[in-house]
C-alpha atoms as a PDB file:
ATOM      1  CA  MET A   1     -93.014  -2.103 -19.222  1.00  0.00           C
ATOM      2  CA  ASP A   2     -89.254  -2.132 -18.656  1.00  0.00           C
ATOM      3  CA  PRO A   3     -88.518  -3.343 -15.089  1.00  0.00           C
ATOM      4  CA  ALA A   4     -85.045  -1.800 -15.172  1.00  0.00           C
ATOM      5  CA  LEU A   5     -86.493   1.614 -16.047  1.00  0.00           C
ATOM      6  CA  ILE A   6     -89.046   1.374 -13.251  1.00  0.00           C
ATOM      7  CA  GLU A   7     -86.266   0.513 -10.806  1.00  0.00           C
ATOM      8  CA  VAL A   8     -84.246   3.539 -11.928  1.00  0.00           C
ATOM      9  CA  ARG A   9     -87.260   5.827 -11.578  1.00  0.00           C
ATOM     10  CA  ILE A  10     -88.074   4.528  -8.091  1.00  0.00           C
ATOM     11  CA  HIS A  11     -84.473   5.145  -7.051  1.00  0.00           C
ATOM     12  CA  GLU A  12     -84.699   8.699  -8.392  1.00  0.00           C
ATOM     13  CA  VAL A  13     -87.979   9.377  -6.597  1.00  0.00           C
ATOM     14  CA  ARG A  14     -86.559   8.081  -3.327  1.00  0.00           C
ATOM     15  CA  GLU A  15     -83.505  10.301  -3.779  1.00  0.00           C
ATOM     16  CA  HIS A  16     -85.730  13.329  -4.360  1.00  0.00           C
ATOM     17  CA  ILE A  17     -87.764  12.470  -1.259  1.00  0.00           C
ATOM     18  CA  ALA A  18     -84.595  12.154   0.806  1.00  0.00           C
ATOM     19  CA  ASP A  19     -83.235  15.465  -0.505  1.00  0.00           C
ATOM     20  CA  ALA A  20     -86.514  17.252   0.271  1.00  0.00           C
ATOM     21  CA  ALA A  21     -86.671  15.730   3.750  1.00  0.00           C
ATOM     22  CA  ASN A  22     -83.090  16.735   4.477  1.00  0.00           C
ATOM     23  CA  ARG A  23     -83.790  20.300   3.359  1.00  0.00           C
ATOM     24  CA  ALA A  24     -86.634  20.422   5.870  1.00  0.00           C
ATOM     25  CA  GLY A  25     -84.596  18.831   8.664  1.00  0.00           C
ATOM     26  CA  ARG A  26     -86.692  15.675   8.540  1.00  0.00           C
ATOM     27  CA  ASN A  27     -85.860  11.974   8.506  1.00  0.00           C
ATOM     28  CA  PRO A  28     -86.460  10.600   4.978  1.00  0.00           C
ATOM     29  CA  GLU A  29     -87.581   7.320   6.529  1.00  0.00           C
ATOM     30  CA  ASP A  30     -90.626   9.142   7.906  1.00  0.00           C
ATOM     31  CA  VAL A  31     -91.986   9.551   4.355  1.00  0.00           C
ATOM     32  CA  LEU A  32     -93.836   6.597   2.826  1.00  0.00           C
ATOM     33  CA  LEU A  33     -93.764   6.245  -0.958  1.00  0.00           C
ATOM     34  CA  ILE A  34     -97.063   5.025  -2.380  1.00  0.00           C
ATOM     35  CA  ALA A  35     -96.782   3.942  -6.011  1.00  0.00           C
ATOM     36  CA  VAL A  36    -100.018   4.883  -7.759  1.00  0.00           C
ATOM     37  CA  SER A  37    -100.649   1.923 -10.010  1.00  0.00           C
ATOM     38  CA  LYS A  38    -103.996   2.906 -11.548  1.00  0.00           C
ATOM     39  CA  THR A  39    -104.233   1.973 -15.248  1.00  0.00           C
ATOM     40  CA  TYR A  40    -100.968   0.008 -15.050  1.00  0.00           C
ATOM     41  CA  GLY A  41    -100.875  -3.775 -15.272  1.00  0.00           C
ATOM     42  CA  MET A  42     -99.450  -6.416 -12.976  1.00  0.00           C
ATOM     43  CA  ASP A  43     -96.131  -6.422 -14.840  1.00  0.00           C
ATOM     44  CA  ALA A  44     -95.520  -2.837 -13.729  1.00  0.00           C
ATOM     45  CA  ILE A  45     -96.562  -3.634 -10.158  1.00  0.00           C
ATOM     46  CA  ASP A  46     -94.284  -6.690 -10.147  1.00  0.00           C
ATOM     47  CA  ALA A  47     -91.374  -4.526 -11.297  1.00  0.00           C
ATOM     48  CA  ALA A  48     -92.039  -1.956  -8.564  1.00  0.00           C
ATOM     49  CA  CYS A  49     -92.149  -4.748  -5.988  1.00  0.00           C
ATOM     50  CA  GLU A  50     -88.804  -6.034  -7.221  1.00  0.00           C
ATOM     51  CA  ALA A  51     -87.455  -2.514  -6.673  1.00  0.00           C
ATOM     52  CA  GLY A  52     -88.613  -2.570  -3.069  1.00  0.00           C
ATOM     53  CA  VAL A  53     -91.986  -0.795  -3.201  1.00  0.00           C
ATOM     54  CA  ARG A  54     -94.536  -2.272  -0.821  1.00  0.00           C
ATOM     55  CA  ASN A  55     -97.343   0.300  -0.894  1.00  0.00           C
ATOM     56  CA  PHE A  56     -99.625   0.771  -3.893  1.00  0.00           C
ATOM     57  CA  GLY A  57    -102.476   3.183  -4.501  1.00  0.00           C
ATOM     58  CA  GLU A  58    -105.555   2.627  -6.634  1.00  0.00           C
ATOM     59  CA  ASN A  59    -108.263   5.124  -7.594  1.00  0.00           C
ATOM     60  CA  ARG A  60    -111.001   2.909  -8.969  1.00  0.00           C
ATOM     61  CA  VAL A  61    -112.705   0.084  -7.136  1.00  0.00           C
ATOM     62  CA  GLU A  62    -113.490  -1.763 -10.360  1.00  0.00           C
ATOM     63  CA  GLU A  63    -109.839  -1.890 -11.386  1.00  0.00           C
ATOM     64  CA  ALA A  64    -108.637  -2.776  -7.900  1.00  0.00           C
ATOM     65  CA  ALA A  65    -111.180  -5.598  -7.679  1.00  0.00           C
ATOM     66  CA  ILE A  66    -109.355  -7.280 -10.557  1.00  0.00           C
ATOM     67  CA  LYS A  67    -105.765  -6.531  -9.574  1.00  0.00           C
ATOM     68  CA  ILE A  68    -105.752  -7.142  -5.841  1.00  0.00           C
ATOM     69  CA  PRO A  69    -107.172 -10.699  -5.876  1.00  0.00           C
ATOM     70  CA  ILE A  70    -104.697 -11.602  -8.635  1.00  0.00           C
ATOM     71  CA  SER A  71    -101.847 -10.209  -6.544  1.00  0.00           C
ATOM     72  CA  ASN A  72    -102.693 -12.343  -3.517  1.00  0.00           C
ATOM     73  CA  GLY A  73    -100.148 -15.128  -3.301  1.00  0.00           C
ATOM     74  CA  LYS A  74     -98.109 -13.714  -6.186  1.00  0.00           C
ATOM     75  CA  LEU A  75     -96.764 -10.525  -4.635  1.00  0.00           C
ATOM     76  CA  PRO A  76     -94.885 -10.337  -1.311  1.00  0.00           C
ATOM     77  CA  ALA A  77     -97.106 -10.839   1.714  1.00  0.00           C
ATOM     78  CA  ASP A  78     -96.297  -7.406   3.125  1.00  0.00           C
ATOM     79  CA  ILE A  79     -97.915  -5.461   0.282  1.00  0.00           C
ATOM     80  CA  THR A  80    -100.327  -2.757   1.464  1.00  0.00           C
ATOM     81  CA  TRP A  81    -103.090  -1.402  -0.774  1.00  0.00           C
ATOM     82  CA  HIS A  82    -104.292   2.176  -0.415  1.00  0.00           C
ATOM     83  CA  MET A  83    -107.596   3.477  -1.770  1.00  0.00           C
ATOM     84  CA  ILE A  84    -106.884   7.045  -2.843  1.00  0.00           C
ATOM     85  CA  GLY A  85    -109.850   7.799  -5.117  1.00  0.00           C
ATOM     86  CA  HIS A  86    -113.358   9.064  -4.546  1.00  0.00           C
ATOM     87  CA  ILE A  87    -115.658   6.460  -2.961  1.00  0.00           C
ATOM     88  CA  GLN A  88    -119.278   5.937  -3.911  1.00  0.00           C
ATOM     89  CA  SER A  89    -121.591   4.824  -1.124  1.00  0.00           C
ATOM     90  CA  ARG A  90    -122.480   1.630  -2.937  1.00  0.00           C
ATOM     91  CA  LYS A  91    -118.789   0.671  -3.166  1.00  0.00           C
ATOM     92  CA  THR A  92    -117.899   0.870   0.519  1.00  0.00           C
ATOM     93  CA  SER A  93    -118.206  -2.874   1.122  1.00  0.00           C
ATOM     94  CA  GLU A  94    -115.804  -3.608  -1.732  1.00  0.00           C
ATOM     95  CA  VAL A  95    -113.381  -0.938  -0.546  1.00  0.00           C
ATOM     96  CA  SER A  96    -113.372  -2.402   2.937  1.00  0.00           C
ATOM     97  CA  ALA A  97    -112.721  -5.897   1.595  1.00  0.00           C
ATOM     98  CA  LEU A  98    -109.920  -4.882  -0.789  1.00  0.00           C
ATOM     99  CA  PHE A  99    -107.874  -2.203   0.966  1.00  0.00           C
ATOM    100  CA  GLN A 100    -106.005  -1.809   4.234  1.00  0.00           C
ATOM    101  CA  TRP A 101    -105.840   1.998   4.001  1.00  0.00           C
ATOM    102  CA  VAL A 102    -108.403   4.506   2.741  1.00  0.00           C
ATOM    103  CA  HIS A 103    -107.161   8.045   2.091  1.00  0.00           C
ATOM    104  CA  SER A 104    -110.387   9.502   0.727  1.00  0.00           C
ATOM    105  CA  VAL A 105    -112.944   9.576   3.546  1.00  0.00           C
ATOM    106  CA  ASP A 106    -114.706  12.787   2.562  1.00  0.00           C
ATOM    107  CA  ARG A 107    -117.984  12.659   4.488  1.00  0.00           C
ATOM    108  CA  VAL A 108    -119.503  11.084   7.563  1.00  0.00           C
ATOM    109  CA  LYS A 109    -121.765   8.807   5.544  1.00  0.00           C
ATOM    110  CA  ILE A 110    -118.781   7.138   3.871  1.00  0.00           C
ATOM    111  CA  ALA A 111    -116.971   6.761   7.198  1.00  0.00           C
ATOM    112  CA  ARG A 112    -120.015   5.100   8.742  1.00  0.00           C
ATOM    113  CA  ARG A 113    -120.497   2.699   5.838  1.00  0.00           C
ATOM    114  CA  LEU A 114    -116.812   1.750   5.765  1.00  0.00           C
ATOM    115  CA  SER A 115    -116.895   1.129   9.509  1.00  0.00           C
ATOM    116  CA  ASP A 116    -119.978  -1.043   9.218  1.00  0.00           C
ATOM    117  CA  ALA A 117    -118.493  -3.049   6.348  1.00  0.00           C
ATOM    118  CA  ALA A 118    -115.180  -3.553   8.148  1.00  0.00           C
ATOM    119  CA  GLY A 119    -116.964  -4.547  11.330  1.00  0.00           C
ATOM    120  CA  GLU A 120    -118.910  -7.257   9.530  1.00  0.00           C
ATOM    121  CA  VAL A 121    -115.644  -9.077   8.787  1.00  0.00           C
ATOM    122  CA  GLY A 122    -113.959  -8.225  12.074  1.00  0.00           C
ATOM    123  CA  GLN A 123    -111.500  -5.703  10.628  1.00  0.00           C
ATOM    124  CA  VAL A 124    -110.477  -2.137  11.376  1.00  0.00           C
ATOM    125  CA  LEU A 125    -109.630   0.105   8.423  1.00  0.00           C
ATOM    126  CA  GLU A 126    -106.885   2.705   8.666  1.00  0.00           C
ATOM    127  CA  VAL A 127    -108.348   5.909   7.239  1.00  0.00           C
ATOM    128  CA  LEU A 128    -107.414   9.476   6.407  1.00  0.00           C
ATOM    129  CA  LEU A 129    -109.892  12.326   6.202  1.00  0.00           C
ATOM    130  CA  GLU A 130    -109.792  14.044   2.829  1.00  0.00           C
ATOM    131  CA  VAL A 131    -109.807  17.817   3.190  1.00  0.00           C
ATOM    132  CA  ASN A 132    -110.367  20.364   0.433  1.00  0.00           C
ATOM    133  CA  VAL A 133    -108.069  23.238   1.394  1.00  0.00           C
ATOM    134  CA  SER A 134    -107.883  24.765  -2.092  1.00  0.00           C
ATOM    135  CA  GLY A 135    -111.571  25.515  -2.597  1.00  0.00           C
ATOM    136  CA  GLU A 136    -111.403  23.978  -6.076  1.00  0.00           C
ATOM    137  CA  GLU A 137    -114.919  22.772  -6.877  1.00  0.00           C
ATOM    138  CA  SER A 138    -113.693  19.661  -8.664  1.00  0.00           C
ATOM    139  CA  LYS A 139    -111.930  18.423  -5.515  1.00  0.00           C
ATOM    140  CA  SER A 140    -113.667  16.216  -2.984  1.00  0.00           C
ATOM    141  CA  GLY A 141    -113.207  16.476   0.756  1.00  0.00           C
ATOM    142  CA  PHE A 142    -114.363  18.265   3.861  1.00  0.00           C
ATOM    143  CA  ASP A 143    -114.416  21.936   2.913  1.00  0.00           C
ATOM    144  CA  LEU A 144    -111.785  23.817   4.898  1.00  0.00           C
ATOM    145  CA  SER A 145    -110.831  26.197   2.092  1.00  0.00           C
ATOM    146  CA  LYS A 146    -111.680  29.226   4.238  1.00  0.00           C
ATOM    147  CA  TRP A 147    -110.043  27.951   7.407  1.00  0.00           C
ATOM    148  CA  PRO A 148    -108.937  29.546   9.726  1.00  0.00           C
ATOM    149  CA  ASN A 149    -110.892  32.659   8.734  1.00  0.00           C
ATOM    150  CA  ASP A 150    -114.271  30.917   8.800  1.00  0.00           C
ATOM    151  CA  PRO A 151    -114.813  29.424  12.276  1.00  0.00           C
ATOM    152  CA  LYS A 152    -118.080  27.769  11.233  1.00  0.00           C
ATOM    153  CA  HIS A 153    -116.295  25.488   8.752  1.00  0.00           C
ATOM    154  CA  TYR A 154    -113.909  24.441  11.501  1.00  0.00           C
ATOM    155  CA  SER A 155    -116.695  23.938  14.038  1.00  0.00           C
ATOM    156  CA  ASP A 156    -118.647  21.800  11.583  1.00  0.00           C
ATOM    157  CA  LEU A 157    -115.590  19.653  10.932  1.00  0.00           C
ATOM    158  CA  MET A 158    -114.992  19.218  14.666  1.00  0.00           C
ATOM    159  CA  ASN A 159    -118.515  17.883  15.097  1.00  0.00           C
ATOM    160  CA  GLU A 160    -118.136  15.518  12.153  1.00  0.00           C
ATOM    161  CA  ILE A 161    -114.776  14.236  13.383  1.00  0.00           C
ATOM    162  CA  GLU A 162    -116.203  13.604  16.835  1.00  0.00           C
ATOM    163  CA  THR A 163    -118.909  11.505  15.207  1.00  0.00           C
ATOM    164  CA  MET A 164    -116.451   9.542  13.056  1.00  0.00           C
ATOM    165  CA  LEU A 165    -114.063   8.810  15.906  1.00  0.00           C
ATOM    166  CA  ALA A 166    -116.819   6.784  17.540  1.00  0.00           C
ATOM    167  CA  PHE A 167    -117.120   4.406  14.579  1.00  0.00           C
ATOM    168  CA  PRO A 168    -115.520   1.107  15.674  1.00  0.00           C
ATOM    169  CA  GLY A 169    -114.568  -0.209  12.226  1.00  0.00           C
ATOM    170  CA  ILE A 170    -112.234   2.636  11.251  1.00  0.00           C
ATOM    171  CA  ARG A 171    -109.143   4.193  12.816  1.00  0.00           C
ATOM    172  CA  VAL A 172    -108.486   7.811  11.863  1.00  0.00           C
ATOM    173  CA  GLN A 173    -104.756   8.289  11.249  1.00  0.00           C
ATOM    174  CA  GLY A 174    -104.524  11.736   9.679  1.00  0.00           C
ATOM    175  CA  LEU A 175    -105.451  13.909   6.719  1.00  0.00           C
ATOM    176  CA  MET A 176    -105.211  13.859   2.938  1.00  0.00           C
ATOM    177  CA  THR A 177    -105.480  16.583   0.325  1.00  0.00           C
ATOM    178  CA  MET A 178    -105.007  17.087  -3.395  1.00  0.00           C
ATOM    179  CA  ALA A 179    -103.587  20.341  -4.704  1.00  0.00           C
ATOM    180  CA  PRO A 180    -104.776  21.712  -8.067  1.00  0.00           C
ATOM    181  CA  TYR A 181    -102.442  20.736 -10.880  1.00  0.00           C
ATOM    182  CA  SER A 182     -99.918  23.427 -11.744  1.00  0.00           C
ATOM    183  CA  ALA A 183     -96.698  23.591 -13.733  1.00  0.00           C
ATOM    184  CA  ASP A 184     -95.226  25.383 -10.716  1.00  0.00           C
ATOM    185  CA  PRO A 185     -94.897  23.047  -7.703  1.00  0.00           C
ATOM    186  CA  GLU A 186     -94.450  26.050  -5.413  1.00  0.00           C
ATOM    187  CA  SER A 187     -98.094  26.993  -5.953  1.00  0.00           C
ATOM    188  CA  ALA A 188     -99.057  23.989  -3.839  1.00  0.00           C
ATOM    189  CA  ARG A 189     -96.892  24.963  -0.884  1.00  0.00           C
ATOM    190  CA  PRO A 190     -99.462  27.196   0.899  1.00  0.00           C
ATOM    191  CA  LEU A 191    -102.068  24.432   0.621  1.00  0.00           C
ATOM    192  CA  PHE A 192     -99.762  21.760   2.018  1.00  0.00           C
ATOM    193  CA  ARG A 193     -98.740  24.106   4.822  1.00  0.00           C
ATOM    194  CA  ARG A 194    -102.379  24.779   5.646  1.00  0.00           C
ATOM    195  CA  LEU A 195    -103.112  21.054   5.863  1.00  0.00           C
ATOM    196  CA  ARG A 196    -100.189  20.629   8.258  1.00  0.00           C
ATOM    197  CA  GLU A 197    -101.443  23.521  10.386  1.00  0.00           C
ATOM    198  CA  LEU A 198    -104.931  21.980  10.409  1.00  0.00           C
ATOM    199  CA  ARG A 199    -103.424  18.659  11.531  1.00  0.00           C
ATOM    200  CA  ASP A 200    -101.640  20.450  14.357  1.00  0.00           C
ATOM    201  CA  ALA A 201    -104.892  22.103  15.444  1.00  0.00           C
ATOM    202  CA  LEU A 202    -106.687  18.752  15.395  1.00  0.00           C
ATOM    203  CA  ARG A 203    -103.999  17.238  17.612  1.00  0.00           C
ATOM    204  CA  GLU A 204    -104.926  19.777  20.268  1.00  0.00           C
ATOM    205  CA  GLN A 205    -108.662  19.298  19.752  1.00  0.00           C
ATOM    206  CA  PHE A 206    -108.570  15.492  19.704  1.00  0.00           C
ATOM    207  CA  PRO A 207    -105.463  14.371  21.640  1.00  0.00           C
ATOM    208  CA  GLN A 208    -106.751  10.792  21.706  1.00  0.00           C
ATOM    209  CA  VAL A 209    -105.834  10.575  18.001  1.00  0.00           C
ATOM    210  CA  ALA A 210    -102.170  10.586  16.970  1.00  0.00           C
ATOM    211  CA  TRP A 211    -102.868  12.397  13.656  1.00  0.00           C
ATOM    212  CA  THR A 212     -99.668  10.794  12.412  1.00  0.00           C
ATOM    213  CA  HIS A 213    -100.119  11.061   8.674  1.00  0.00           C
ATOM    214  CA  LEU A 214    -100.377  13.747   6.044  1.00  0.00           C
ATOM    215  CA  SER A 215    -101.015  12.244   2.608  1.00  0.00           C
ATOM    216  CA  MET A 216    -100.178  15.012   0.166  1.00  0.00           C
ATOM    217  CA  GLY A 217     -98.062  15.445  -2.919  1.00  0.00           C
ATOM    218  CA  MET A 218     -98.050  13.674  -6.265  1.00  0.00           C
ATOM    219  CA  THR A 219     -95.604  13.475  -9.165  1.00  0.00           C
ATOM    220  CA  ALA A 220     -95.715  17.213  -9.889  1.00  0.00           C
ATOM    221  CA  ASP A 221     -95.285  18.472  -6.334  1.00  0.00           C
ATOM    222  CA  TYR A 222     -94.222  15.699  -3.952  1.00  0.00           C
ATOM    223  CA  GLU A 223     -90.905  17.345  -3.076  1.00  0.00           C
ATOM    224  CA  VAL A 224     -92.678  20.492  -1.876  1.00  0.00           C
ATOM    225  CA  ALA A 225     -95.127  18.288   0.035  1.00  0.00           C
ATOM    226  CA  VAL A 226     -92.272  16.538   1.828  1.00  0.00           C
ATOM    227  CA  GLU A 227     -90.735  19.898   2.735  1.00  0.00           C
ATOM    228  CA  GLU A 228     -94.092  20.874   4.250  1.00  0.00           C
ATOM    229  CA  GLY A 229     -94.503  17.714   6.310  1.00  0.00           C
ATOM    230  CA  ALA A 230     -95.984  14.968   4.110  1.00  0.00           C
ATOM    231  CA  THR A 231     -95.642  11.501   5.596  1.00  0.00           C
ATOM    232  CA  MET A 232     -97.182   9.825   2.534  1.00  0.00           C
ATOM    233  CA  VAL A 233     -96.651  10.839  -1.097  1.00  0.00           C
ATOM    234  CA  ARG A 234     -98.695   9.361  -3.934  1.00  0.00           C
ATOM    235  CA  VAL A 235     -96.501   9.043  -7.029  1.00  0.00           C
ATOM    236  CA  GLY A 236     -97.518   7.379 -10.283  1.00  0.00           C
ATOM    237  CA  THR A 237     -96.214   8.973 -13.473  1.00  0.00           C
ATOM    238  CA  ALA A 238     -92.700   9.551 -12.110  1.00  0.00           C
ATOM    239  CA  ILE A 239     -92.464   5.797 -11.483  1.00  0.00           C
ATOM    240  CA  PHE A 240     -94.463   4.128 -14.231  1.00  0.00           C
ATOM    241  CA  GLY A 241     -94.368   6.760 -16.962  1.00  0.00           C
ATOM    242  CA  PRO A 242     -97.173   8.680 -18.695  1.00  0.00           C
ATOM    243  CA  ARG A 243    -100.589   7.067 -18.757  1.00  0.00           C
ATOM    244  CA  SER A 244    -102.189   6.360 -22.095  1.00  0.00           C
END
């Protein structure tokens, strides 16, 4: 892994983020770049750190359980780890111990278990609620694919959010979604816009929550996501190169 190449790619991604933010009349500093380091080794993560990246995303608990302990004491102290993959119930204790942020809370059961696990060690996890706005069956998340035309889906989500907000070991900070892969980034725009509109509706419904963050956009479509209000983009291939 060529550190110089990773540095160049990170610079390019940040430039693209800034350009997209400026087109939307936003401050580029309001968009957090999360380098998705799944399948890449510590040499790649070290290189990204040298280039100024401080937020890393992992999809698999098993892989993170090897990397994150190794990184402690070797990487800068201000590194933040984000769990962005699907979470199995039996892995919630490990997730709580390894990560500071969890983007993929997709059901009340997982929220409760994460809260319990965090509470046992006196921590509070920052979490995002994963929402399926595309209706794609392969995608996880609370099903809001028919919102706002199906009020029952929205009502069900309101009840579930009210339950989760009472869990003391987690702090809900916003929403996350994954758009279906497409060669045309514009195809994701309506989905990102819908997530933003849902976030705005939730701000009115639950004003006690800031609903600060929208985690949306990956290598193929992060510029469109920024134009539509993303505050976190999850970029892997554009930084580290194609995965084997």
